[in-house]
Amino acid sequence: MRVLFCTTGGLGHVLPLRPLAMALRAGGHEVAWVTAPDALATLQGAGFDLFVAGPDFEQGRQQFREAHAGGAHLLGEQLSAFTFPRLFGAVLAPAMLAGVDQAVRRWRPDFVVHEPAALAAPLVCRQRGLHHLTHGYGLRPPASYIDEAMRCFGPSWRARGFDAPADGGLYRHLYLDITPPSLQPLPPHEKDVYRFNPYRARDADVESLPADVRRLVSDPLRGPRIYVSFGTVFHRSAAFLTAARAAARLGGAVVITVGPEGDARPLQALGAHVSVQPFVPQAALLPFCDLVVSHGGAGTLLGAAAQGVPQLVLPQAADHFRNARALVSAHAGQLVEPERQTSVDEVTAAMADVLGQGPCRVGAGRLAAEMAALPQPADAVHRLERWFTRPARAAAPTSSPTPPSGPS
């Protein structure tokens, strides 16, 4: 099979799809990827053919801020509900159309795998007569987010002679779900859904960690080992500094990541038991951790869940609040509401509460067992092979007014 992956540029949208892409390559299939220019570095060296679509990560967000300045005063879930439709539907989807279309025409895939925010992909596939799959990066975006995004992006569909589907065309074919049932139960009517787990629990790999991180986490007698990460977008928030200071106050060993562009200087005086890094291979670090403190991004949350680590979430925007509530419902962690996130005392107390709570450890272990029981990426490859070769699959969509063109 020739499979084209399509993602927007944020690492939280790219990295969850990479295990399946790598498994496809290992299974002898050809894989290409079309994404934002600055995301290509993450994918280079893996054997993928790479294509560019849309602006850089920060450029896209700057365009969003300039075009939709009315949301600047919003916070929390109101900000999430405002941002998703306008960033992904009004700004990025139109900007990605030409690049995605060019990748399809040049590379000629058998089908496309895309994440839910890559709204340009279903339209290009509809126009070019291609089947496509949606691969989740965490919990599904609320239907209201997609519906409003399509009000922004709908003119692009109509300009190509199609009615704009309210769901963006995301669920027309198979949906690949990477969240365990206790975090996201399937609605009773769902049929074409395949659930698997790309976040496999691994044995501790201390040698791949930076030297001072190895020194801290390899000694369990130091006290609780705490990992603090707010990803690559939200590490500039006041809540991140609060969480870092609270962890330093409480932990026997603390590892803090500020992101490749982050500023470590405000955190350098937290003590010799604290290691501040631009980046740490998360899968190597998590087996050592007693607590993960994060903004609730899906990658960190699911990675920690796969290792059975209790979590404290300080949600900021995007899907963080929904992720945090799902984690709390699974009894695998707690959340700190925005109004409490500026108090070091309150966040320290919340960390101590999670560390001291047997139920959180039990819930986290139960969640890890649930994830371990899910199919692996190699199993998902076999599912895609069956999906691709089934008889109904042989008939391409019939709604394309523009036949697929040859390589340009």
Protein backbone atom coordinates (compact mmCIF):
# COMPACT_ATOMS: atom_id res chain seq x y z
CA MET A 1 0.00 0.00 0.00
CA ARG A 2 1.00 3.61 -0.57
CA VAL A 3 -0.25 5.67 2.38
CA LEU A 4 -0.08 9.45 2.68
CA PHE A 5 -0.27 10.94 6.19
CA CYS A 6 -1.56 14.48 6.59
CA THR A 7 -1.25 16.56 9.77
CA THR A 8 -1.20 20.13 10.89
CA GLY A 9 2.14 21.26 12.28
CA GLY A 10 1.84 21.01 16.06
CA LEU A 11 3.85 18.15 17.54
CA GLY A 12 0.79 17.06 19.49
CA HIS A 13 -0.90 16.47 16.13
CA VAL A 14 2.11 14.85 14.42
CA LEU A 15 3.69 12.52 16.98
CA PRO A 16 0.59 10.40 17.84
CA LEU A 17 0.40 9.31 14.18
CA ARG A 18 4.07 8.41 13.83
CA PRO A 19 3.87 4.92 15.44
CA LEU A 20 1.33 3.78 12.84
CA ALA A 21 3.39 5.28 10.02
CA MET A 22 6.48 3.49 11.31
CA ALA A 23 4.55 0.22 11.62
CA LEU A 24 3.37 0.57 8.03
CA ARG A 25 6.96 1.03 6.91
CA ALA A 26 8.03 -2.00 8.95
CA GLY A 27 5.25 -3.97 7.25
CA GLY A 28 6.68 -3.24 3.82
CA HIS A 29 4.34 -0.40 2.83
CA GLU A 30 5.33 2.98 1.39
CA VAL A 31 4.58 6.06 3.48
CA ALA A 32 4.63 9.77 2.70
CA TRP A 33 3.76 12.71 4.93
CA VAL A 34 2.43 16.18 4.19
CA THR A 35 2.54 18.73 7.00
CA ALA A 36 3.75 22.20 8.01
CA PRO A 37 7.33 23.11 7.01
CA ASP A 38 8.71 23.24 10.55
CA ALA A 39 7.29 19.80 11.42
CA LEU A 40 9.41 18.07 8.79
CA ALA A 41 12.47 17.90 11.08
CA THR A 42 10.52 15.59 13.40
CA LEU A 43 9.86 13.18 10.53
CA GLN A 44 13.18 13.22 8.71
CA GLY A 45 15.29 10.09 8.78
CA ALA A 46 12.32 7.75 9.18
CA GLY A 47 12.08 6.83 5.49
CA PHE A 48 9.01 8.91 4.69
CA ASP A 49 8.63 10.94 1.50
CA LEU A 50 7.92 14.45 2.79
CA PHE A 51 5.72 17.24 1.41
CA VAL A 52 4.86 20.70 2.69
CA ALA A 53 1.41 22.22 3.21
CA GLY A 54 0.45 25.44 4.94
CA PRO A 55 2.43 27.81 7.13
CA ASP A 56 4.87 27.14 9.94
CA PHE A 57 3.35 26.36 13.34
CA GLU A 58 3.89 29.84 14.79
CA GLN A 59 3.04 31.61 11.53
CA GLY A 60 -0.35 29.91 11.46
CA ARG A 61 -1.09 30.94 15.02
CA GLN A 62 0.02 34.50 14.32
CA GLN A 63 -2.34 34.65 11.34
CA PHE A 64 -5.11 33.36 13.59
CA ARG A 65 -4.40 35.99 16.26
CA GLU A 66 -4.39 38.79 13.69
CA ALA A 67 -7.55 37.67 11.90
CA HIS A 68 -9.53 36.78 15.03
CA ALA A 69 -8.35 39.26 17.65
CA GLY A 70 -11.80 39.24 19.24
CA GLY A 71 -10.91 36.13 21.18
CA ALA A 72 -7.86 37.60 22.89
CA HIS A 73 -9.76 38.12 26.16
CA LEU A 74 -11.05 34.55 26.37
CA LEU A 75 -9.66 31.93 28.75
CA GLY A 76 -10.05 28.25 29.41
CA GLU A 77 -12.70 26.30 27.55
CA GLN A 78 -14.17 29.44 26.03
CA LEU A 79 -10.80 30.01 24.38
CA SER A 80 -10.75 26.39 23.17
CA ALA A 81 -14.20 26.67 21.64
CA PHE A 82 -13.20 29.92 19.92
CA THR A 83 -9.79 28.78 18.70
CA PHE A 84 -10.35 25.36 17.15
CA PRO A 85 -12.89 26.39 14.49
CA ARG A 86 -11.02 29.54 13.50
CA LEU A 87 -7.44 28.28 13.65
CA PHE A 88 -8.06 24.95 11.93
CA GLY A 89 -11.14 25.82 9.86
CA ALA A 90 -10.62 29.45 8.84
CA VAL A 91 -6.81 29.72 8.75
CA LEU A 92 -5.03 26.39 8.33
CA ALA A 93 -7.47 24.38 6.20
CA PRO A 94 -7.55 26.85 3.27
CA ALA A 95 -3.80 27.41 3.58
CA MET A 96 -3.09 23.65 3.40
CA LEU A 97 -5.30 22.84 0.42
CA ALA A 98 -2.76 23.49 -2.34
CA GLY A 99 0.04 21.59 -0.59
CA VAL A 100 -2.13 18.57 0.22
CA ASP A 101 -3.48 18.48 -3.32
CA GLN A 102 0.02 18.68 -4.76
CA ALA A 103 1.21 15.82 -2.53
CA VAL A 104 -1.73 13.67 -3.64
CA ARG A 105 -1.13 14.41 -7.33
CA ARG A 106 2.61 13.84 -7.20
CA TRP A 107 2.79 10.85 -4.89
CA ARG A 108 -0.49 9.14 -5.90
CA PRO A 109 -1.35 7.35 -2.62
CA ASP A 110 -3.81 4.50 -2.32
CA PHE A 111 -5.44 6.36 0.57
CA VAL A 112 -4.80 9.15 3.07
CA VAL A 113 -4.55 9.01 6.87
CA HIS A 114 -5.13 12.38 8.55
CA GLU A 115 -5.78 13.78 12.01
CA PRO A 116 -9.07 15.54 12.90
CA ALA A 117 -7.67 19.07 12.66
CA ALA A 118 -6.28 18.52 9.14
CA LEU A 119 -9.58 19.56 7.58
CA ALA A 120 -8.11 20.10 4.12
CA ALA A 121 -7.49 16.36 3.65
CA PRO A 122 -11.13 15.15 3.34
CA LEU A 123 -11.87 17.82 0.73
CA VAL A 124 -8.82 16.95 -1.38
CA CYS A 125 -9.69 13.26 -1.10
CA ARG A 126 -13.28 13.95 -2.12
CA GLN A 127 -12.12 15.91 -5.14
CA ARG A 128 -9.49 13.35 -6.15
CA GLY A 129 -11.60 10.25 -5.60
CA LEU A 130 -9.56 8.89 -2.68
CA HIS A 131 -10.62 7.08 0.45
CA HIS A 132 -9.29 8.48 3.71
CA LEU A 133 -9.10 7.60 7.39
CA THR A 134 -9.14 9.86 10.42
CA HIS A 135 -6.52 9.02 13.05
CA GLY A 136 -7.24 10.59 16.43
CA TYR A 137 -4.56 12.34 18.47
CA GLY A 138 -6.54 12.11 21.72
CA LEU A 139 -10.19 12.64 22.57
CA ARG A 140 -12.32 13.54 19.57
CA PRO A 141 -12.95 17.26 19.08
CA PRO A 142 -16.52 18.11 20.10
CA ALA A 143 -18.99 17.97 17.23
CA SER A 144 -19.79 21.65 17.82
CA TYR A 145 -16.13 22.57 17.19
CA ILE A 146 -16.11 20.73 13.86
CA ASP A 147 -19.49 22.12 12.85
CA GLU A 148 -18.31 25.69 13.42
CA ALA A 149 -15.00 25.00 11.71
CA MET A 150 -16.91 23.87 8.64
CA ARG A 151 -18.87 27.10 8.61
CA CYS A 152 -15.48 28.76 8.16
CA PHE A 153 -14.14 26.21 5.68
CA GLY A 154 -17.42 25.46 3.89
CA PRO A 155 -16.83 28.01 1.09
CA SER A 156 -13.82 25.98 -0.03
CA TRP A 157 -16.02 22.90 -0.43
CA ARG A 158 -18.71 24.80 -2.29
CA ALA A 159 -16.12 26.40 -4.58
CA ARG A 160 -15.22 22.87 -5.69
CA GLY A 161 -18.82 21.86 -6.29
CA PHE A 162 -19.55 19.99 -3.06
CA ASP A 163 -21.88 20.49 -0.14
CA ALA A 164 -19.84 21.02 3.01
CA PRO A 165 -20.41 18.13 5.48
CA ALA A 166 -21.06 19.29 9.04
CA ASP A 167 -18.56 16.74 10.35
CA GLY A 168 -15.89 17.85 7.88
CA GLY A 169 -15.97 14.45 6.20
CA LEU A 170 -13.85 13.16 9.09
CA TYR A 171 -15.96 10.09 9.79
CA ARG A 172 -16.92 9.03 6.28
CA HIS A 173 -14.66 5.98 6.42
CA LEU A 174 -12.73 4.21 9.18
CA TYR A 175 -11.82 6.13 12.36
CA LEU A 176 -8.65 5.14 14.23
CA ASP A 177 -9.11 5.85 17.93
CA ILE A 178 -6.05 5.86 20.24
CA THR A 179 -7.82 6.56 23.54
CA PRO A 180 -8.79 3.75 25.92
CA PRO A 181 -12.51 3.15 26.54
CA SER A 182 -12.45 4.50 30.10
CA LEU A 183 -11.32 7.89 28.77
CA GLN A 184 -13.55 7.91 25.69
CA PRO A 185 -16.38 5.36 25.52
CA LEU A 186 -17.71 4.72 22.04
CA PRO A 187 -21.24 5.95 21.35
CA PRO A 188 -23.63 3.01 20.82
CA HIS A 189 -24.16 3.82 17.14
CA GLU A 190 -20.48 3.86 16.21
CA LYS A 191 -19.44 1.17 13.72
CA ASP A 192 -16.36 1.96 11.63
CA VAL A 193 -14.00 2.55 14.54
CA TYR A 194 -10.77 0.70 15.27
CA ARG A 195 -9.14 1.36 18.62
CA PHE A 196 -5.43 0.72 19.20
CA ASN A 197 -2.65 2.00 21.44
CA PRO A 198 0.44 3.71 20.00
CA TYR A 199 1.75 4.52 23.51
CA ARG A 200 3.28 1.22 24.46
CA ALA A 201 4.68 0.96 27.99
CA ARG A 202 8.44 0.44 27.81
CA ASP A 203 11.15 -0.69 30.16
CA ALA A 204 13.24 2.03 31.74
CA ASP A 205 15.93 3.29 29.35
CA VAL A 206 18.14 5.40 31.57
CA GLU A 207 21.01 5.55 29.06
CA SER A 208 18.98 7.66 26.63
CA LEU A 209 18.42 10.38 29.25
CA PRO A 210 20.72 13.39 29.81
CA ALA A 211 23.41 12.76 32.42
CA ASP A 212 21.98 14.94 35.19
CA VAL A 213 18.51 13.48 34.62
CA ARG A 214 19.99 9.98 34.95
CA ARG A 215 21.66 11.00 38.19
CA LEU A 216 18.40 12.26 39.66
CA VAL A 217 15.88 9.64 38.62
CA SER A 218 17.98 6.50 39.02
CA ASP A 219 18.00 6.85 42.82
CA PRO A 220 14.54 5.95 44.18
CA LEU A 221 15.65 6.81 47.72
CA ARG A 222 15.74 10.52 46.90
CA GLY A 223 11.99 10.84 47.31
CA PRO A 224 9.15 11.34 44.83
CA ARG A 225 10.28 11.71 41.22
CA ILE A 226 8.19 14.33 39.45
CA TYR A 227 8.10 15.21 35.76
CA VAL A 228 6.72 18.65 34.79
CA SER A 229 5.93 19.40 31.16
CA PHE A 230 3.57 21.86 29.49
CA GLY A 231 4.48 20.79 25.96
CA THR A 232 5.81 23.11 23.28
CA VAL A 233 3.09 25.80 23.38
CA PHE A 234 2.04 26.43 26.98
CA HIS A 235 5.43 26.47 28.72
CA ARG A 236 5.25 30.29 28.81
CA SER A 237 2.15 30.29 31.02
CA ALA A 238 2.16 31.47 34.63
CA ALA A 239 0.73 28.09 35.61
CA PHE A 240 3.85 26.35 34.29
CA LEU A 241 6.10 28.42 36.58
CA THR A 242 3.79 27.71 39.49
CA ALA A 243 3.88 23.98 38.79
CA ALA A 244 7.68 24.00 38.50
CA ARG A 245 8.11 25.80 41.82
CA ALA A 246 5.59 23.52 43.54
CA ALA A 247 7.35 20.40 42.25
CA ALA A 248 10.73 21.75 43.40
CA ARG A 249 9.28 22.31 46.85
CA LEU A 250 7.86 18.80 47.08
CA GLY A 251 9.98 16.48 45.00
CA GLY A 252 13.10 14.50 45.77
CA ALA A 253 13.94 14.58 42.06
CA VAL A 254 12.29 16.90 39.55
CA VAL A 255 12.66 16.97 35.77
CA ILE A 256 11.22 19.99 33.96
CA THR A 257 11.08 20.42 30.18
CA VAL A 258 10.66 23.92 28.73
CA GLY A 259 10.51 23.04 25.02
CA PRO A 260 13.11 23.76 22.31
CA GLU A 261 12.26 27.48 22.31
CA GLY A 262 11.60 27.78 26.04
CA ASP A 263 13.47 29.93 28.54
CA ALA A 264 15.08 27.92 31.33
CA ARG A 265 16.48 30.92 33.19
CA PRO A 266 13.51 31.52 35.54
CA LEU A 267 13.85 27.91 36.73
CA GLN A 268 17.59 27.60 37.25
CA ALA A 269 17.59 28.53 40.94
CA LEU A 270 15.11 25.87 42.03
CA GLY A 271 17.75 23.59 43.54
CA ALA A 272 20.25 20.86 42.77
CA HIS A 273 17.44 18.28 42.83
CA VAL A 274 15.83 19.93 39.79
CA SER A 275 16.94 19.33 36.19
CA VAL A 276 15.62 21.77 33.59
CA GLN A 277 15.86 20.51 30.02
CA PRO A 278 14.66 21.75 26.62
CA PHE A 279 13.55 18.22 25.77
CA VAL A 280 13.69 14.74 27.29
CA PRO A 281 12.65 11.51 25.54
CA GLN A 282 9.40 11.14 27.42
CA ALA A 283 8.99 7.41 26.88
CA ALA A 284 12.41 6.84 28.49
CA LEU A 285 11.67 9.08 31.48
CA LEU A 286 8.13 8.05 32.37
CA PRO A 287 8.97 4.60 33.82
CA PHE A 288 10.96 6.38 36.57
CA CYS A 289 8.21 8.84 37.51
CA ASP A 290 5.97 8.83 40.56
CA LEU A 291 3.93 11.82 39.31
CA VAL A 292 3.47 13.66 36.02
CA VAL A 293 2.36 17.30 36.15
CA SER A 294 1.19 18.75 32.86
CA HIS A 295 -1.20 21.00 30.99
CA GLY A 296 -3.20 17.96 29.89
CA GLY A 297 -2.04 17.72 26.29
CA ALA A 298 -3.07 14.39 24.82
CA GLY A 299 0.48 13.17 24.12
CA THR A 300 1.72 13.68 27.67
CA LEU A 301 -1.51 12.46 29.23
CA LEU A 302 -1.73 9.24 27.20
CA GLY A 303 2.01 8.58 27.45
CA ALA A 304 1.85 8.80 31.24
CA ALA A 305 -1.34 6.76 31.33
CA ALA A 306 0.34 3.95 29.38
CA GLN A 307 3.01 3.77 32.09
CA GLY A 308 0.50 3.82 34.94
CA VAL A 309 1.80 7.10 36.38
CA PRO A 310 -0.64 9.22 38.44
CA GLN A 311 -1.11 12.71 37.03
CA LEU A 312 -1.93 16.25 38.07
CA VAL A 313 -3.31 18.41 35.27
CA LEU A 314 -3.36 22.21 35.15
CA PRO A 315 -5.47 22.67 31.98
CA GLN A 316 -4.84 25.76 29.85
CA ALA A 317 -6.83 25.58 26.58
CA ALA A 318 -7.30 23.29 23.55
CA ASP A 319 -8.45 19.81 24.65
CA HIS A 320 -6.84 20.06 28.09
CA PHE A 321 -10.03 20.47 30.12
CA ARG A 322 -11.78 17.53 28.46
CA ASN A 323 -8.67 15.40 28.87
CA ALA A 324 -8.37 16.32 32.54
CA ARG A 325 -12.01 15.51 33.27
CA ALA A 326 -11.67 12.14 31.53
CA LEU A 327 -8.56 11.36 33.59
CA VAL A 328 -10.31 12.28 36.84
CA SER A 329 -13.31 10.14 35.85
CA ALA A 330 -10.91 7.22 35.42
CA HIS A 331 -9.57 7.91 38.97
CA ALA A 332 -6.04 8.18 37.53
CA GLY A 333 -5.31 11.77 38.50
CA GLN A 334 -6.59 15.16 39.57
CA LEU A 335 -6.93 18.60 38.01
CA VAL A 336 -6.27 22.10 39.30
CA GLU A 337 -8.84 24.64 38.10
CA PRO A 338 -7.50 27.87 36.52
CA GLU A 339 -8.38 30.06 39.49
CA ARG A 340 -6.06 27.96 41.70
CA GLN A 341 -3.15 27.65 39.29
CA THR A 342 -1.27 30.76 40.46
CA SER A 343 -0.88 29.58 44.05
CA VAL A 344 2.29 27.57 44.71
CA ASP A 345 0.82 26.46 48.03
CA GLU A 346 -2.35 25.10 46.43
CA VAL A 347 -0.55 23.34 43.59
CA THR A 348 1.96 21.84 46.03
CA ALA A 349 -0.90 20.54 48.15
CA ALA A 350 -2.56 19.05 45.05
CA MET A 351 0.67 17.26 44.09
CA ALA A 352 1.05 15.88 47.62
CA ASP A 353 -2.55 14.72 47.52
CA VAL A 354 -2.07 12.77 44.27
CA LEU A 355 1.20 11.26 45.51
CA GLY A 356 -0.38 10.24 48.79
CA GLN A 357 -3.56 8.83 47.34
CA GLY A 358 -3.65 5.09 46.89
CA PRO A 359 -6.81 5.36 44.72
CA CYS A 360 -4.96 7.49 42.13
CA ARG A 361 -2.17 4.92 41.89
CA VAL A 362 -4.70 2.12 41.59
CA GLY A 363 -6.67 4.02 38.96
CA ALA A 364 -3.52 4.83 37.00
CA GLY A 365 -2.49 1.17 37.08
CA ARG A 366 -5.93 0.10 35.92
CA LEU A 367 -5.78 2.59 33.03
CA ALA A 368 -2.33 1.32 32.03
CA ALA A 369 -3.60 -2.26 31.99
CA GLU A 370 -6.53 -1.22 29.83
CA MET A 371 -4.19 0.48 27.35
CA ALA A 372 -1.79 -2.49 27.32
CA ALA A 373 -4.67 -4.77 26.34
CA LEU A 374 -5.46 -2.73 23.21
CA PRO A 375 -4.06 -3.75 19.82
CA GLN A 376 -0.62 -2.45 18.87
CA PRO A 377 0.31 -0.38 15.78
CA ALA A 378 1.32 -3.58 13.94
CA ASP A 379 -2.22 -4.89 14.52
CA ALA A 380 -3.60 -1.62 13.15
CA VAL A 381 -1.56 -2.18 9.99
CA HIS A 382 -3.26 -5.56 9.49
CA ARG A 383 -6.63 -3.86 10.02
CA LEU A 384 -5.79 -1.30 7.33
CA GLU A 385 -4.67 -4.04 4.96
CA ARG A 386 -8.04 -5.77 5.38
CA TRP A 387 -9.88 -2.47 5.02
CA PHE A 388 -7.96 -1.62 1.86
CA THR A 389 -8.62 -4.95 0.15
CA ARG A 390 -12.26 -5.48 1.09
CA PRO A 391 -14.63 -5.65 -1.92
CA ALA A 392 -16.51 -2.47 -1.07
CA ARG A 393 -13.20 -0.67 -0.90
CA ALA A 394 -12.53 -1.29 -4.59
CA ALA A 395 -15.16 1.23 -5.63
CA ALA A 396 -13.78 4.76 -5.29
CA PRO A 397 -16.02 7.63 -4.18
CA THR A 398 -18.27 8.75 -7.01
CA SER A 399 -18.61 12.43 -6.15
CA SER A 400 -15.43 13.80 -7.69
CA PRO A 401 -16.04 16.28 -10.53
CA THR A 402 -12.26 16.46 -11.14
CA PRO A 403 -10.57 13.14 -12.02
CA PRO A 404 -7.22 12.40 -10.36
CA SER A 405 -4.43 13.92 -12.43
CA GLY A 406 -1.02 12.43 -13.04
CA PRO A 407 2.21 13.55 -11.43
CA SER A 408 3.09 17.16 -12.08
